[in-house]
PDB file of N, CA and C in Angstrom:
ATOM      1  N   MET A   1      -7.363  33.924 -15.772  1.00  0.00           N
ATOM      2  CA  MET A   1      -7.482  32.902 -16.789  1.00  0.00           C
ATOM      3  C   MET A   1      -6.096  32.562 -17.316  1.00  0.00           C
ATOM      4  N   HIS A   2      -6.011  31.441 -17.977  1.00  0.00           N
ATOM      5  CA  HIS A   2      -4.747  30.974 -18.513  1.00  0.00           C
ATOM      6  C   HIS A   2      -4.552  31.371 -19.962  1.00  0.00           C
ATOM      7  N   GLY A   3      -5.246  32.308 -20.446  1.00  0.00           N
ATOM      8  CA  GLY A   3      -5.123  32.727 -21.838  1.00  0.00           C
ATOM      9  C   GLY A   3      -6.376  32.353 -22.600  1.00  0.00           C
ATOM     10  N   ASP A   4      -6.398  32.781 -23.823  1.00  0.00           N
ATOM     11  CA  ASP A   4      -7.568  32.523 -24.660  1.00  0.00           C
ATOM     12  C   ASP A   4      -7.359  31.326 -25.578  1.00  0.00           C
ATOM     13  N   ARG A   5      -6.430  30.470 -25.226  1.00  0.00           N
ATOM     14  CA  ARG A   5      -6.204  29.290 -26.050  1.00  0.00           C
ATOM     15  C   ARG A   5      -7.377  28.330 -25.909  1.00  0.00           C
ATOM     16  N   SER A   6      -7.777  27.744 -27.004  1.00  0.00           N
ATOM     17  CA  SER A   6      -8.828  26.735 -26.914  1.00  0.00           C
ATOM     18  C   SER A   6      -8.182  25.403 -26.548  1.00  0.00           C
ATOM     19  N   MET A   7      -8.958  24.567 -25.949  1.00  0.00           N
ATOM     20  CA  MET A   7      -8.456  23.268 -25.521  1.00  0.00           C
ATOM     21  C   MET A   7      -8.161  22.407 -26.745  1.00  0.00           C
ATOM     22  N   GLU A   8      -7.028  21.713 -26.714  1.00  0.00           N
ATOM     23  CA  GLU A   8      -6.675  20.844 -27.817  1.00  0.00           C
ATOM     24  C   GLU A   8      -7.575  19.620 -27.818  1.00  0.00           C
ATOM     25  N   PRO A   9      -7.788  19.020 -28.975  1.00  0.00           N
ATOM     26  CA  PRO A   9      -8.660  17.837 -29.026  1.00  0.00           C
ATOM     27  C   PRO A   9      -8.029  16.654 -28.302  1.00  0.00           C
ATOM     28  N   LEU A  10      -8.874  15.753 -27.852  1.00  0.00           N
ATOM     29  CA  LEU A  10      -8.412  14.563 -27.145  1.00  0.00           C
ATOM     30  C   LEU A  10      -8.137  13.436 -28.143  1.00  0.00           C
ATOM     31  N   ALA A  11      -7.349  13.740 -29.140  1.00  0.00           N
ATOM     32  CA  ALA A  11      -6.995  12.742 -30.155  1.00  0.00           C
ATOM     33  C   ALA A  11      -6.001  11.748 -29.574  1.00  0.00           C
ATOM     34  N   PRO A  12      -6.000  10.549 -30.084  1.00  0.00           N
ATOM     35  CA  PRO A  12      -5.035   9.559 -29.604  1.00  0.00           C
ATOM     36  C   PRO A  12      -3.599  10.061 -29.768  1.00  0.00           C
ATOM     37  N   GLY A  13      -2.801   9.837 -28.728  1.00  0.00           N
ATOM     38  CA  GLY A  13      -1.408  10.234 -28.773  1.00  0.00           C
ATOM     39  C   GLY A  13      -1.121  11.617 -28.221  1.00  0.00           C
ATOM     40  N   THR A  14      -2.151  12.382 -27.880  1.00  0.00           N
ATOM     41  CA  THR A  14      -1.921  13.712 -27.332  1.00  0.00           C
ATOM     42  C   THR A  14      -1.652  13.605 -25.838  1.00  0.00           C
ATOM     43  N   VAL A  15      -1.011  14.627 -25.302  1.00  0.00           N
ATOM     44  CA  VAL A  15      -0.686  14.656 -23.883  1.00  0.00           C
ATOM     45  C   VAL A  15      -1.967  14.633 -23.046  1.00  0.00           C
ATOM     46  N   GLN A  16      -2.964  15.394 -23.464  1.00  0.00           N
ATOM     47  CA  GLN A  16      -4.215  15.459 -22.709  1.00  0.00           C
ATOM     48  C   GLN A  16      -4.897  14.097 -22.632  1.00  0.00           C
ATOM     49  N   ARG A  17      -4.791  13.318 -23.700  1.00  0.00           N
ATOM     50  CA  ARG A  17      -5.417  11.994 -23.716  1.00  0.00           C
ATOM     51  C   ARG A  17      -4.757  11.091 -22.672  1.00  0.00           C
ATOM     52  N   GLY A  18      -3.432  11.133 -22.601  1.00  0.00           N
ATOM     53  CA  GLY A  18      -2.715  10.348 -21.603  1.00  0.00           C
ATOM     54  C   GLY A  18      -3.035  10.799 -20.191  1.00  0.00           C
ATOM     55  N   GLN A  19      -3.126  12.105 -19.991  1.00  0.00           N
ATOM     56  CA  GLN A  19      -3.461  12.627 -18.669  1.00  0.00           C
ATOM     57  C   GLN A  19      -4.882  12.239 -18.273  1.00  0.00           C
ATOM     58  N   LEU A  20      -5.796  12.253 -19.222  1.00  0.00           N
ATOM     59  CA  LEU A  20      -7.177  11.877 -18.944  1.00  0.00           C
ATOM     60  C   LEU A  20      -7.265  10.418 -18.518  1.00  0.00           C
ATOM     61  N   ARG A  21      -6.581   9.551 -19.252  1.00  0.00           N
ATOM     62  CA  ARG A  21      -6.603   8.131 -18.914  1.00  0.00           C
ATOM     63  C   ARG A  21      -6.038   7.907 -17.507  1.00  0.00           C
ATOM     64  N   SER A  22      -4.957   8.591 -17.187  1.00  0.00           N
ATOM     65  CA  SER A  22      -4.342   8.459 -15.871  1.00  0.00           C
ATOM     66  C   SER A  22      -5.270   8.972 -14.778  1.00  0.00           C
ATOM     67  N   ARG A  23      -5.917  10.096 -15.025  1.00  0.00           N
ATOM     68  CA  ARG A  23      -6.808  10.674 -14.018  1.00  0.00           C
ATOM     69  C   ARG A  23      -8.041   9.798 -13.774  1.00  0.00           C
ATOM     70  N   VAL A  24      -8.630   9.289 -14.833  1.00  0.00           N
ATOM     71  CA  VAL A  24      -9.792   8.408 -14.689  1.00  0.00           C
ATOM     72  C   VAL A  24      -9.394   7.136 -13.947  1.00  0.00           C
ATOM     73  N   SER A  25      -8.210   6.609 -14.253  1.00  0.00           N
ATOM     74  CA  SER A  25      -7.714   5.425 -13.554  1.00  0.00           C
ATOM     75  C   SER A  25      -7.528   5.709 -12.064  1.00  0.00           C
ATOM     76  N   ASP A  26      -6.966   6.851 -11.728  1.00  0.00           N
ATOM     77  CA  ASP A  26      -6.779   7.214 -10.322  1.00  0.00           C
ATOM     78  C   ASP A  26      -8.112   7.351  -9.594  1.00  0.00           C
ATOM     79  N   ILE A  27      -9.089   7.946 -10.243  1.00  0.00           N
ATOM     80  CA  ILE A  27     -10.417   8.099  -9.638  1.00  0.00           C
ATOM     81  C   ILE A  27     -11.064   6.734  -9.414  1.00  0.00           C
ATOM     82  N   ALA A  28     -10.944   5.845 -10.387  1.00  0.00           N
ATOM     83  CA  ALA A  28     -11.538   4.515 -10.260  1.00  0.00           C
ATOM     84  C   ALA A  28     -10.878   3.725  -9.126  1.00  0.00           C
ATOM     85  N   TRP A  29      -9.544   3.776  -9.034  1.00  0.00           N
ATOM     86  CA  TRP A  29      -8.857   3.055  -7.966  1.00  0.00           C
ATOM     87  C   TRP A  29      -9.214   3.632  -6.602  1.00  0.00           C
ATOM     88  N   THR A  30      -9.280   4.945  -6.498  1.00  0.00           N
ATOM     89  CA  THR A  30      -9.646   5.571  -5.229  1.00  0.00           C
ATOM     90  C   THR A  30     -11.050   5.148  -4.816  1.00  0.00           C
ATOM     91  N   SER A  31     -11.963   5.126  -5.765  1.00  0.00           N
ATOM     92  CA  SER A  31     -13.332   4.694  -5.471  1.00  0.00           C
ATOM     93  C   SER A  31     -13.364   3.252  -4.989  1.00  0.00           C
ATOM     94  N   LEU A  32     -12.592   2.394  -5.636  1.00  0.00           N
ATOM     95  CA  LEU A  32     -12.538   0.990  -5.224  1.00  0.00           C
ATOM     96  C   LEU A  32     -12.016   0.857  -3.800  1.00  0.00           C
ATOM     97  N   PHE A  33     -10.951   1.594  -3.469  1.00  0.00           N
ATOM     98  CA  PHE A  33     -10.390   1.529  -2.120  1.00  0.00           C
ATOM     99  C   PHE A  33     -11.389   2.032  -1.078  1.00  0.00           C
ATOM    100  N   VAL A  34     -12.086   3.101  -1.387  1.00  0.00           N
ATOM    101  CA  VAL A  34     -13.060   3.650  -0.438  1.00  0.00           C
ATOM    102  C   VAL A  34     -14.199   2.659  -0.204  1.00  0.00           C
ATOM    103  N   ILE A  35     -14.702   2.072  -1.276  1.00  0.00           N
ATOM    104  CA  ILE A  35     -15.814   1.129  -1.144  1.00  0.00           C
ATOM    105  C   ILE A  35     -15.387  -0.115  -0.368  1.00  0.00           C
ATOM    106  N   LEU A  36     -14.232  -0.682  -0.713  1.00  0.00           N
ATOM    107  CA  LEU A  36     -13.765  -1.875  -0.004  1.00  0.00           C
ATOM    108  C   LEU A  36     -13.426  -1.567   1.456  1.00  0.00           C
ATOM    109  N   GLY A  37     -12.839  -0.404   1.701  1.00  0.00           N
ATOM    110  CA  GLY A  37     -12.523  -0.015   3.074  1.00  0.00           C
ATOM    111  C   GLY A  37     -13.780   0.184   3.906  1.00  0.00           C
ATOM    112  N   ALA A  38     -14.779   0.825   3.318  1.00  0.00           N
ATOM    113  CA  ALA A  38     -16.045   1.037   4.031  1.00  0.00           C
ATOM    114  C   ALA A  38     -16.737  -0.296   4.301  1.00  0.00           C
ATOM    115  N   TRP A  39     -16.685  -1.187   3.324  1.00  0.00           N
ATOM    116  CA  TRP A  39     -17.292  -2.509   3.501  1.00  0.00           C
ATOM    117  C   TRP A  39     -16.613  -3.260   4.643  1.00  0.00           C
ATOM    118  N   ALA A  40     -15.280  -3.245   4.660  1.00  0.00           N
ATOM    119  CA  ALA A  40     -14.552  -3.937   5.729  1.00  0.00           C
ATOM    120  C   ALA A  40     -14.852  -3.310   7.088  1.00  0.00           C
ATOM    121  N   LEU A  41     -14.882  -1.990   7.132  1.00  0.00           N
ATOM    122  CA  LEU A  41     -15.146  -1.300   8.393  1.00  0.00           C
ATOM    123  C   LEU A  41     -16.557  -1.586   8.907  1.00  0.00           C
ATOM    124  N   LEU A  42     -17.539  -1.495   8.037  1.00  0.00           N
ATOM    125  CA  LEU A  42     -18.920  -1.757   8.460  1.00  0.00           C
ATOM    126  C   LEU A  42     -19.110  -3.216   8.867  1.00  0.00           C
ATOM    127  N   ALA A  43     -18.461  -4.125   8.166  1.00  0.00           N
ATOM    128  CA  ALA A  43     -18.551  -5.539   8.547  1.00  0.00           C
ATOM    129  C   ALA A  43     -17.884  -5.772   9.901  1.00  0.00           C
ATOM    130  N   ALA A  44     -16.765  -5.081  10.160  1.00  0.00           N
ATOM    131  CA  ALA A  44     -16.094  -5.212  11.454  1.00  0.00           C
ATOM    132  C   ALA A  44     -16.963  -4.661  12.581  1.00  0.00           C
ATOM    133  N   VAL A  45     -17.635  -3.554  12.321  1.00  0.00           N
ATOM    134  CA  VAL A  45     -18.556  -3.003  13.322  1.00  0.00           C
ATOM    135  C   VAL A  45     -19.701  -3.985  13.563  1.00  0.00           C
ATOM    136  N   GLY A  46     -20.213  -4.569  12.498  1.00  0.00           N
ATOM    137  CA  GLY A  46     -21.277  -5.567  12.645  1.00  0.00           C
ATOM    138  C   GLY A  46     -20.816  -6.771  13.433  1.00  0.00           C
ATOM    139  N   ALA A  47     -19.579  -7.183  13.194  1.00  0.00           N
ATOM    140  CA  ALA A  47     -19.042  -8.330  13.937  1.00  0.00           C
ATOM    141  C   ALA A  47     -18.863  -7.978  15.404  1.00  0.00           C
ATOM    142  N   ALA A  48     -18.435  -6.751  15.681  1.00  0.00           N
ATOM    143  CA  ALA A  48     -18.253  -6.329  17.074  1.00  0.00           C
ATOM    144  C   ALA A  48     -19.592  -6.257  17.805  1.00  0.00           C
ATOM    145  N   VAL A  49     -20.632  -5.877  17.084  1.00  0.00           N
ATOM    146  CA  VAL A  49     -21.962  -5.787  17.681  1.00  0.00           C
ATOM    147  C   VAL A  49     -22.564  -7.177  17.870  1.00  0.00           C
ATOM    148  N   GLY A  50     -22.135  -8.117  17.045  1.00  0.00           N
ATOM    149  CA  GLY A  50     -22.614  -9.481  17.204  1.00  0.00           C
ATOM    150  C   GLY A  50     -23.486  -9.979  16.070  1.00  0.00           C
ATOM    151  N   VAL A  51     -23.432  -9.343  14.928  1.00  0.00           N
ATOM    152  CA  VAL A  51     -24.211  -9.794  13.775  1.00  0.00           C
ATOM    153  C   VAL A  51     -23.585 -11.086  13.250  1.00  0.00           C
ATOM    154  N   ALA A  52     -24.414 -12.095  13.070  1.00  0.00           N
ATOM    155  CA  ALA A  52     -23.919 -13.407  12.650  1.00  0.00           C
ATOM    156  C   ALA A  52     -23.342 -13.344  11.236  1.00  0.00           C
ATOM    157  N   GLY A  53     -22.192 -13.958  11.048  1.00  0.00           N
ATOM    158  CA  GLY A  53     -21.581 -14.040   9.723  1.00  0.00           C
ATOM    159  C   GLY A  53     -20.774 -12.833   9.306  1.00  0.00           C
ATOM    160  N   SER A  54     -20.683 -11.834  10.144  1.00  0.00           N
ATOM    161  CA  SER A  54     -19.970 -10.616   9.770  1.00  0.00           C
ATOM    162  C   SER A  54     -18.469 -10.831   9.622  1.00  0.00           C
ATOM    163  N   TRP A  55     -17.918 -11.768  10.389  1.00  0.00           N
ATOM    164  CA  TRP A  55     -16.475 -12.011  10.276  1.00  0.00           C
ATOM    165  C   TRP A  55     -16.107 -12.522   8.889  1.00  0.00           C
ATOM    166  N   THR A  56     -17.017 -13.235   8.269  1.00  0.00           N
ATOM    167  CA  THR A  56     -16.775 -13.703   6.904  1.00  0.00           C
ATOM    168  C   THR A  56     -16.667 -12.506   5.963  1.00  0.00           C
ATOM    169  N   TYR A  57     -17.560 -11.548   6.111  1.00  0.00           N
ATOM    170  CA  TYR A  57     -17.510 -10.348   5.278  1.00  0.00           C
ATOM    171  C   TYR A  57     -16.258  -9.523   5.547  1.00  0.00           C
ATOM    172  N   VAL A  58     -15.838  -9.472   6.798  1.00  0.00           N
ATOM    173  CA  VAL A  58     -14.599  -8.761   7.142  1.00  0.00           C
ATOM    174  C   VAL A  58     -13.420  -9.408   6.425  1.00  0.00           C
ATOM    175  N   ALA A  59     -13.363 -10.730   6.463  1.00  0.00           N
ATOM    176  CA  ALA A  59     -12.259 -11.445   5.825  1.00  0.00           C
ATOM    177  C   ALA A  59     -12.258 -11.237   4.312  1.00  0.00           C
ATOM    178  N   VAL A  60     -13.420 -11.334   3.694  1.00  0.00           N
ATOM    179  CA  VAL A  60     -13.515 -11.167   2.233  1.00  0.00           C
ATOM    180  C   VAL A  60     -13.168  -9.740   1.833  1.00  0.00           C
ATOM    181  N   ALA A  61     -13.720  -8.763   2.515  1.00  0.00           N
ATOM    182  CA  ALA A  61     -13.449  -7.364   2.190  1.00  0.00           C
ATOM    183  C   ALA A  61     -11.982  -7.028   2.410  1.00  0.00           C
ATOM    184  N   SER A  62     -11.404  -7.540   3.480  1.00  0.00           N
ATOM    185  CA  SER A  62      -9.990  -7.270   3.752  1.00  0.00           C
ATOM    186  C   SER A  62      -9.098  -7.922   2.704  1.00  0.00           C
ATOM    187  N   ALA A  63      -9.430  -9.140   2.300  1.00  0.00           N
ATOM    188  CA  ALA A  63      -8.642  -9.821   1.263  1.00  0.00           C
ATOM    189  C   ALA A  63      -8.726  -9.070  -0.066  1.00  0.00           C
ATOM    190  N   LEU A  64      -9.917  -8.638  -0.440  1.00  0.00           N
ATOM    191  CA  LEU A  64     -10.079  -7.885  -1.690  1.00  0.00           C
ATOM    192  C   LEU A  64      -9.343  -6.546  -1.626  1.00  0.00           C
ATOM    193  N   LEU A  65      -9.405  -5.884  -0.488  1.00  0.00           N
ATOM    194  CA  LEU A  65      -8.698  -4.612  -0.319  1.00  0.00           C
ATOM    195  C   LEU A  65      -7.192  -4.826  -0.435  1.00  0.00           C
ATOM    196  N   PHE A  66      -6.686  -5.874   0.190  1.00  0.00           N
ATOM    197  CA  PHE A  66      -5.260  -6.182   0.111  1.00  0.00           C
ATOM    198  C   PHE A  66      -4.843  -6.477  -1.332  1.00  0.00           C
ATOM    199  N   MET A  67      -5.639  -7.280  -2.046  1.00  0.00           N
ATOM    200  CA  MET A  67      -5.310  -7.604  -3.442  1.00  0.00           C
ATOM    201  C   MET A  67      -5.344  -6.359  -4.325  1.00  0.00           C
ATOM    202  N   ALA A  68      -6.288  -5.467  -4.078  1.00  0.00           N
ATOM    203  CA  ALA A  68      -6.357  -4.227  -4.849  1.00  0.00           C
ATOM    204  C   ALA A  68      -5.135  -3.348  -4.570  1.00  0.00           C
ATOM    205  N   LEU A  69      -4.709  -3.291  -3.318  1.00  0.00           N
ATOM    206  CA  LEU A  69      -3.513  -2.512  -2.976  1.00  0.00           C
ATOM    207  C   LEU A  69      -2.263  -3.091  -3.629  1.00  0.00           C
ATOM    208  N   VAL A  70      -2.146  -4.403  -3.647  1.00  0.00           N
ATOM    209  CA  VAL A  70      -0.994  -5.046  -4.299  1.00  0.00           C
ATOM    210  C   VAL A  70      -1.020  -4.780  -5.805  1.00  0.00           C
ATOM    211  N   ALA A  71      -2.184  -4.885  -6.419  1.00  0.00           N
ATOM    212  CA  ALA A  71      -2.294  -4.624  -7.854  1.00  0.00           C
ATOM    213  C   ALA A  71      -1.948  -3.172  -8.173  1.00  0.00           C
ATOM    214  N   ARG A  72      -2.419  -2.249  -7.356  1.00  0.00           N
ATOM    215  CA  ARG A  72      -2.131  -0.820  -7.590  1.00  0.00           C
ATOM    216  C   ARG A  72      -0.650  -0.529  -7.408  1.00  0.00           C
ATOM    217  N   ALA A  73      -0.036  -1.112  -6.387  1.00  0.00           N
ATOM    218  CA  ALA A  73       1.399  -0.922  -6.174  1.00  0.00           C
ATOM    219  C   ALA A  73       2.193  -1.493  -7.343  1.00  0.00           C
ATOM    220  N   SER A  74       1.766  -2.622  -7.859  1.00  0.00           N
ATOM    221  CA  SER A  74       2.419  -3.231  -9.013  1.00  0.00           C
ATOM    222  C   SER A  74       2.306  -2.327 -10.236  1.00  0.00           C
ATOM    223  N   MET A  75       1.152  -1.691 -10.399  1.00  0.00           N
ATOM    224  CA  MET A  75       0.974  -0.772 -11.526  1.00  0.00           C
ATOM    225  C   MET A  75       1.910   0.420 -11.406  1.00  0.00           C
ATOM    226  N   PHE A  76       2.098   0.941 -10.191  1.00  0.00           N
ATOM    227  CA  PHE A  76       3.012   2.060 -10.001  1.00  0.00           C
ATOM    228  C   PHE A  76       4.439   1.664 -10.353  1.00  0.00           C
ATOM    229  N   ARG A  77       4.853   0.468  -9.954  1.00  0.00           N
ATOM    230  CA  ARG A  77       6.209   0.005 -10.275  1.00  0.00           C
ATOM    231  C   ARG A  77       6.370  -0.153 -11.770  1.00  0.00           C
ATOM    232  N   ASP A  78       5.364  -0.731 -12.454  1.00  0.00           N
ATOM    233  CA  ASP A  78       5.446  -0.913 -13.896  1.00  0.00           C
ATOM    234  C   ASP A  78       5.425   0.419 -14.626  1.00  0.00           C
ATOM    235  N   ARG A  79       4.643   1.367 -14.125  1.00  0.00           N
ATOM    236  CA  ARG A  79       4.575   2.696 -14.738  1.00  0.00           C
ATOM    237  C   ARG A  79       5.927   3.386 -14.646  1.00  0.00           C
ATOM    238  N   GLY A  80       6.615   3.224 -13.531  1.00  0.00           N
ATOM    239  CA  GLY A  80       7.936   3.819 -13.346  1.00  0.00           C
ATOM    240  C   GLY A  80       8.968   3.216 -14.278  1.00  0.00           C
ATOM    241  N   ARG A  81       8.886   1.922 -14.530  1.00  0.00           N
ATOM    242  CA  ARG A  81       9.832   1.258 -15.439  1.00  0.00           C
ATOM    243  C   ARG A  81       9.621   1.695 -16.881  1.00  0.00           C
ATOM    244  N   ARG A  82       8.370   1.901 -17.286  1.00  0.00           N
ATOM    245  CA  ARG A  82       8.092   2.310 -18.667  1.00  0.00           C
ATOM    246  C   ARG A  82       8.641   3.687 -18.968  1.00  0.00           C
ATOM    247  N   ARG A  83       8.671   4.565 -17.987  1.00  0.00           N
ATOM    248  CA  ARG A  83       9.130   5.928 -18.212  1.00  0.00           C
ATOM    249  C   ARG A  83      10.644   6.020 -18.328  1.00  0.00           C
ATOM    250  N   LEU A  84      11.372   5.048 -17.812  1.00  0.00           N
ATOM    251  CA  LEU A  84      12.832   5.096 -17.846  1.00  0.00           C
ATOM    252  C   LEU A  84      13.378   4.849 -19.216  1.00  0.00           C
TER     253      LEU A  84
END
């Protein structure tokens, strides 16, 4: 164990509060990437098999995945600037 210290409250401005917000954000972004990636992959498989209209879903899912990646990369750059 790490000692008998009790956990500090998640009051605004505490280190734990900032870490929690960052962790929840990372989980949400990871979930978004997994869902969009799975959607694009399944649509591509459907298009390869010959399901009508699947290429449209591939294009939409790929565009959304790309935009999410650009937004996440932008957040990392902005986060780095704030810490300096």
